[in-house]
């Protein structure tokens, strides 16, 4: 099980990024949450097995059609034991 803290920058608020993330997380069996940050970025905590996590990270780099991701920071951390994926 991998746990990642992900911060996504660019045009990522007001374009359906959180809903896109929730849809993809549910499809891949990812657990955690996504939320908008005051600085205009989107913050995600995600837990999953290796292949699902790698696919999820690739989808986050792309984002929904109206988004423009300019940078993505990913850091590993200890698992938090999330039961599902939520929008905060």
N, C-alpha and C. Protein backbone atom coordinates (compact mmCIF):
# COMPACT_ATOMS: atom_id res chain seq x y z
N UNK A 1 0.85 -1.18 0.00
CA UNK A 1 0.00 0.00 0.00
C UNK A 1 0.89 1.24 0.00
N UNK A 2 0.65 2.12 -0.95
CA UNK A 2 1.37 3.38 -1.03
C UNK A 2 0.47 4.51 -0.58
N UNK A 3 1.06 5.49 0.10
CA UNK A 3 0.33 6.70 0.50
C UNK A 3 1.07 7.89 -0.10
N UNK A 4 0.36 8.74 -0.81
CA UNK A 4 0.97 9.91 -1.44
C UNK A 4 0.22 11.17 -1.07
N UNK A 5 0.98 12.22 -0.81
CA UNK A 5 0.45 13.57 -0.65
C UNK A 5 0.77 14.29 -1.95
N UNK A 6 -0.26 14.77 -2.65
CA UNK A 6 -0.10 15.32 -3.99
C UNK A 6 -0.64 16.75 -4.01
N UNK A 7 0.16 17.67 -4.51
CA UNK A 7 -0.31 19.05 -4.69
C UNK A 7 -0.20 19.38 -6.18
N UNK A 8 -1.31 19.87 -6.73
CA UNK A 8 -1.38 20.14 -8.16
C UNK A 8 -1.60 21.63 -8.37
N UNK A 9 -0.78 22.21 -9.24
CA UNK A 9 -0.82 23.64 -9.52
C UNK A 9 -1.22 23.90 -10.97
N UNK A 10 -1.72 25.08 -11.22
CA UNK A 10 -2.13 25.49 -12.55
C UNK A 10 -3.57 25.95 -12.51
N UNK A 11 -4.26 25.81 -13.64
CA UNK A 11 -5.69 26.12 -13.66
C UNK A 11 -6.41 24.83 -13.24
N UNK A 12 -6.59 24.68 -11.93
CA UNK A 12 -7.13 23.43 -11.39
C UNK A 12 -8.33 23.65 -10.48
N UNK A 13 -8.72 24.90 -10.26
CA UNK A 13 -9.94 25.17 -9.50
C UNK A 13 -10.97 25.78 -10.44
N UNK A 14 -12.24 25.40 -10.24
CA UNK A 14 -13.31 25.92 -11.09
C UNK A 14 -13.41 25.20 -12.42
N UNK A 15 -12.73 24.06 -12.56
CA UNK A 15 -12.75 23.31 -13.81
C UNK A 15 -13.19 21.85 -13.61
N UNK A 16 -13.71 21.53 -12.42
CA UNK A 16 -14.18 20.17 -12.13
C UNK A 16 -13.07 19.21 -11.72
N UNK A 17 -11.93 19.75 -11.28
CA UNK A 17 -10.80 18.88 -10.95
C UNK A 17 -11.11 17.94 -9.79
N UNK A 18 -11.76 18.42 -8.74
CA UNK A 18 -12.06 17.55 -7.59
C UNK A 18 -13.01 16.44 -7.99
N UNK A 19 -14.01 16.74 -8.80
CA UNK A 19 -14.97 15.72 -9.22
C UNK A 19 -14.32 14.71 -10.16
N UNK A 20 -13.46 15.18 -11.03
CA UNK A 20 -12.68 14.31 -11.91
C UNK A 20 -11.82 13.35 -11.07
N UNK A 21 -11.16 13.90 -10.06
CA UNK A 21 -10.30 13.12 -9.19
C UNK A 21 -11.10 12.05 -8.45
N UNK A 22 -12.26 12.42 -7.94
CA UNK A 22 -13.13 11.46 -7.23
C UNK A 22 -13.56 10.33 -8.16
N UNK A 23 -13.96 10.67 -9.38
CA UNK A 23 -14.38 9.66 -10.35
C UNK A 23 -13.25 8.68 -10.64
N UNK A 24 -12.07 9.19 -10.91
CA UNK A 24 -10.92 8.33 -11.22
C UNK A 24 -10.50 7.51 -10.00
N UNK A 25 -10.53 8.11 -8.82
CA UNK A 25 -10.17 7.39 -7.60
C UNK A 25 -11.12 6.22 -7.37
N UNK A 26 -12.42 6.47 -7.54
CA UNK A 26 -13.40 5.39 -7.34
C UNK A 26 -13.20 4.27 -8.36
N UNK A 27 -12.88 4.63 -9.60
CA UNK A 27 -12.64 3.63 -10.65
C UNK A 27 -11.43 2.75 -10.32
N UNK A 28 -10.40 3.35 -9.73
CA UNK A 28 -9.15 2.64 -9.47
C UNK A 28 -9.05 2.05 -8.06
N UNK A 29 -10.04 2.30 -7.22
CA UNK A 29 -9.99 1.79 -5.86
C UNK A 29 -9.05 2.58 -4.96
N UNK A 30 -8.86 3.86 -5.26
CA UNK A 30 -8.00 4.73 -4.47
C UNK A 30 -8.80 5.21 -3.25
N UNK A 31 -8.13 5.30 -2.11
CA UNK A 31 -8.76 5.86 -0.91
C UNK A 31 -8.04 7.13 -0.51
N UNK A 32 -8.78 8.07 0.10
CA UNK A 32 -8.17 9.32 0.55
C UNK A 32 -9.13 10.48 0.37
N UNK A 33 -8.60 11.65 -0.02
CA UNK A 33 -9.45 12.82 -0.23
C UNK A 33 -8.80 13.81 -1.18
N UNK A 34 -9.62 14.75 -1.66
CA UNK A 34 -9.15 15.86 -2.50
C UNK A 34 -9.80 17.13 -1.99
N UNK A 35 -9.05 18.24 -1.99
CA UNK A 35 -9.63 19.52 -1.57
C UNK A 35 -8.91 20.67 -2.27
N UNK A 36 -9.63 21.78 -2.43
CA UNK A 36 -9.04 23.01 -2.95
C UNK A 36 -8.24 23.68 -1.84
N UNK A 37 -7.15 24.32 -2.23
CA UNK A 37 -6.33 25.07 -1.30
C UNK A 37 -6.53 26.57 -1.53
N UNK A 38 -6.34 27.40 -0.50
CA UNK A 38 -6.50 28.85 -0.64
C UNK A 38 -5.60 29.48 -1.71
N UNK A 39 -4.45 28.86 -2.00
CA UNK A 39 -3.52 29.43 -2.99
C UNK A 39 -3.89 29.08 -4.43
N UNK A 40 -5.02 28.38 -4.64
CA UNK A 40 -5.46 28.02 -5.99
C UNK A 40 -5.03 26.63 -6.43
N UNK A 41 -4.28 25.93 -5.61
CA UNK A 41 -3.86 24.57 -5.94
C UNK A 41 -4.92 23.58 -5.44
N UNK A 42 -4.72 22.31 -5.81
CA UNK A 42 -5.56 21.22 -5.33
C UNK A 42 -4.66 20.26 -4.57
N UNK A 43 -5.10 19.83 -3.39
CA UNK A 43 -4.33 18.92 -2.55
C UNK A 43 -5.06 17.58 -2.47
N UNK A 44 -4.30 16.50 -2.65
CA UNK A 44 -4.86 15.15 -2.63
C UNK A 44 -4.02 14.29 -1.70
N UNK A 45 -4.68 13.50 -0.89
CA UNK A 45 -4.02 12.39 -0.20
C UNK A 45 -4.63 11.13 -0.76
N UNK A 46 -3.77 10.21 -1.18
CA UNK A 46 -4.25 9.00 -1.86
C UNK A 46 -3.50 7.78 -1.35
N UNK A 47 -4.25 6.68 -1.20
CA UNK A 47 -3.68 5.39 -0.79
C UNK A 47 -4.15 4.33 -1.76
N UNK A 48 -3.20 3.51 -2.21
CA UNK A 48 -3.54 2.43 -3.14
C UNK A 48 -2.32 1.52 -3.33
N UNK A 49 -2.55 0.42 -4.02
CA UNK A 49 -1.46 -0.45 -4.41
C UNK A 49 -0.69 0.19 -5.57
N UNK A 50 0.49 -0.32 -5.86
CA UNK A 50 1.41 0.28 -6.82
C UNK A 50 0.85 0.62 -8.18
N UNK A 51 0.25 -0.35 -8.90
CA UNK A 51 -0.22 -0.09 -10.26
C UNK A 51 -1.35 0.93 -10.28
N UNK A 52 -2.29 0.81 -9.35
CA UNK A 52 -3.40 1.76 -9.29
C UNK A 52 -2.88 3.16 -8.97
N UNK A 53 -1.91 3.26 -8.08
CA UNK A 53 -1.35 4.56 -7.72
C UNK A 53 -0.66 5.19 -8.91
N UNK A 54 0.11 4.42 -9.64
CA UNK A 54 0.82 4.95 -10.80
C UNK A 54 -0.16 5.48 -11.84
N UNK A 55 -1.23 4.75 -12.09
CA UNK A 55 -2.24 5.20 -13.05
C UNK A 55 -2.95 6.45 -12.54
N UNK A 56 -3.25 6.48 -11.25
CA UNK A 56 -3.91 7.65 -10.66
C UNK A 56 -3.03 8.89 -10.79
N UNK A 57 -1.74 8.76 -10.52
CA UNK A 57 -0.83 9.89 -10.63
C UNK A 57 -0.77 10.41 -12.07
N UNK A 58 -0.77 9.51 -13.03
CA UNK A 58 -0.77 9.91 -14.44
C UNK A 58 -2.05 10.67 -14.79
N UNK A 59 -3.18 10.23 -14.27
CA UNK A 59 -4.45 10.92 -14.52
C UNK A 59 -4.47 12.29 -13.85
N UNK A 60 -3.88 12.41 -12.68
CA UNK A 60 -3.81 13.70 -11.99
C UNK A 60 -2.95 14.69 -12.76
N UNK A 61 -1.88 14.19 -13.38
CA UNK A 61 -1.01 15.08 -14.17
C UNK A 61 -1.76 15.65 -15.37
N UNK A 62 -2.71 14.89 -15.88
CA UNK A 62 -3.48 15.32 -17.04
C UNK A 62 -4.65 16.21 -16.63
N UNK A 63 -5.47 15.74 -15.68
CA UNK A 63 -6.63 16.49 -15.22
C UNK A 63 -7.78 16.44 -16.21
N UNK A 64 -8.90 17.06 -15.85
CA UNK A 64 -10.07 17.10 -16.74
C UNK A 64 -9.80 18.04 -17.93
N UNK A 65 -10.67 18.01 -18.94
CA UNK A 65 -10.42 18.78 -20.17
C UNK A 65 -10.16 20.28 -19.97
N UNK A 66 -10.82 20.94 -19.05
CA UNK A 66 -10.65 22.39 -18.88
C UNK A 66 -9.46 22.76 -18.00
N UNK A 67 -8.85 21.79 -17.35
CA UNK A 67 -7.71 22.05 -16.45
C UNK A 67 -6.42 22.21 -17.25
N UNK A 68 -5.48 22.94 -16.67
CA UNK A 68 -4.13 23.07 -17.21
C UNK A 68 -3.17 22.89 -16.04
N UNK A 69 -2.64 21.69 -15.92
CA UNK A 69 -1.70 21.39 -14.84
C UNK A 69 -0.32 21.90 -15.23
N UNK A 70 0.25 22.78 -14.40
CA UNK A 70 1.58 23.31 -14.68
C UNK A 70 2.66 22.66 -13.82
N UNK A 71 2.27 22.12 -12.67
CA UNK A 71 3.24 21.47 -11.78
C UNK A 71 2.50 20.52 -10.85
N UNK A 72 3.16 19.44 -10.49
CA UNK A 72 2.59 18.48 -9.54
C UNK A 72 3.69 18.01 -8.61
N UNK A 73 3.48 18.20 -7.31
CA UNK A 73 4.43 17.74 -6.30
C UNK A 73 3.86 16.50 -5.63
N UNK A 74 4.69 15.46 -5.50
CA UNK A 74 4.25 14.21 -4.90
C UNK A 74 5.24 13.82 -3.80
N UNK A 75 4.71 13.54 -2.63
CA UNK A 75 5.55 13.11 -1.51
C UNK A 75 4.93 11.86 -0.89
N UNK A 76 5.77 10.91 -0.52
CA UNK A 76 5.31 9.72 0.16
C UNK A 76 5.21 9.98 1.65
N UNK A 77 4.28 9.28 2.30
CA UNK A 77 4.15 9.40 3.75
C UNK A 77 3.49 8.14 4.29
N UNK A 78 3.32 8.09 5.59
CA UNK A 78 2.74 6.92 6.23
C UNK A 78 1.25 6.80 5.90
N UNK A 79 0.78 5.59 5.80
CA UNK A 79 -0.62 5.32 5.50
C UNK A 79 -1.53 5.84 6.61
N UNK A 80 -2.69 6.35 6.19
CA UNK A 80 -3.66 6.89 7.15
C UNK A 80 -4.88 6.00 7.32
N UNK A 81 -4.99 4.94 6.53
CA UNK A 81 -6.09 4.01 6.68
C UNK A 81 -7.45 4.54 6.23
N UNK A 82 -7.48 5.33 5.17
CA UNK A 82 -8.77 5.83 4.66
C UNK A 82 -9.63 4.68 4.19
N UNK A 83 -10.94 4.84 4.36
CA UNK A 83 -11.88 3.79 3.96
C UNK A 83 -12.45 4.00 2.56
N UNK A 84 -12.44 5.25 2.08
CA UNK A 84 -12.98 5.57 0.77
C UNK A 84 -12.30 6.84 0.27
N UNK A 85 -12.82 7.41 -0.82
CA UNK A 85 -12.27 8.66 -1.35
C UNK A 85 -13.35 9.72 -1.28
N UNK A 86 -12.98 10.89 -0.73
CA UNK A 86 -13.96 11.96 -0.52
C UNK A 86 -13.48 13.29 -1.09
N UNK A 87 -14.44 14.12 -1.42
CA UNK A 87 -14.19 15.51 -1.76
C UNK A 87 -14.38 16.31 -0.49
N UNK A 88 -13.41 17.14 -0.15
CA UNK A 88 -13.53 17.98 1.04
C UNK A 88 -13.67 19.42 0.63
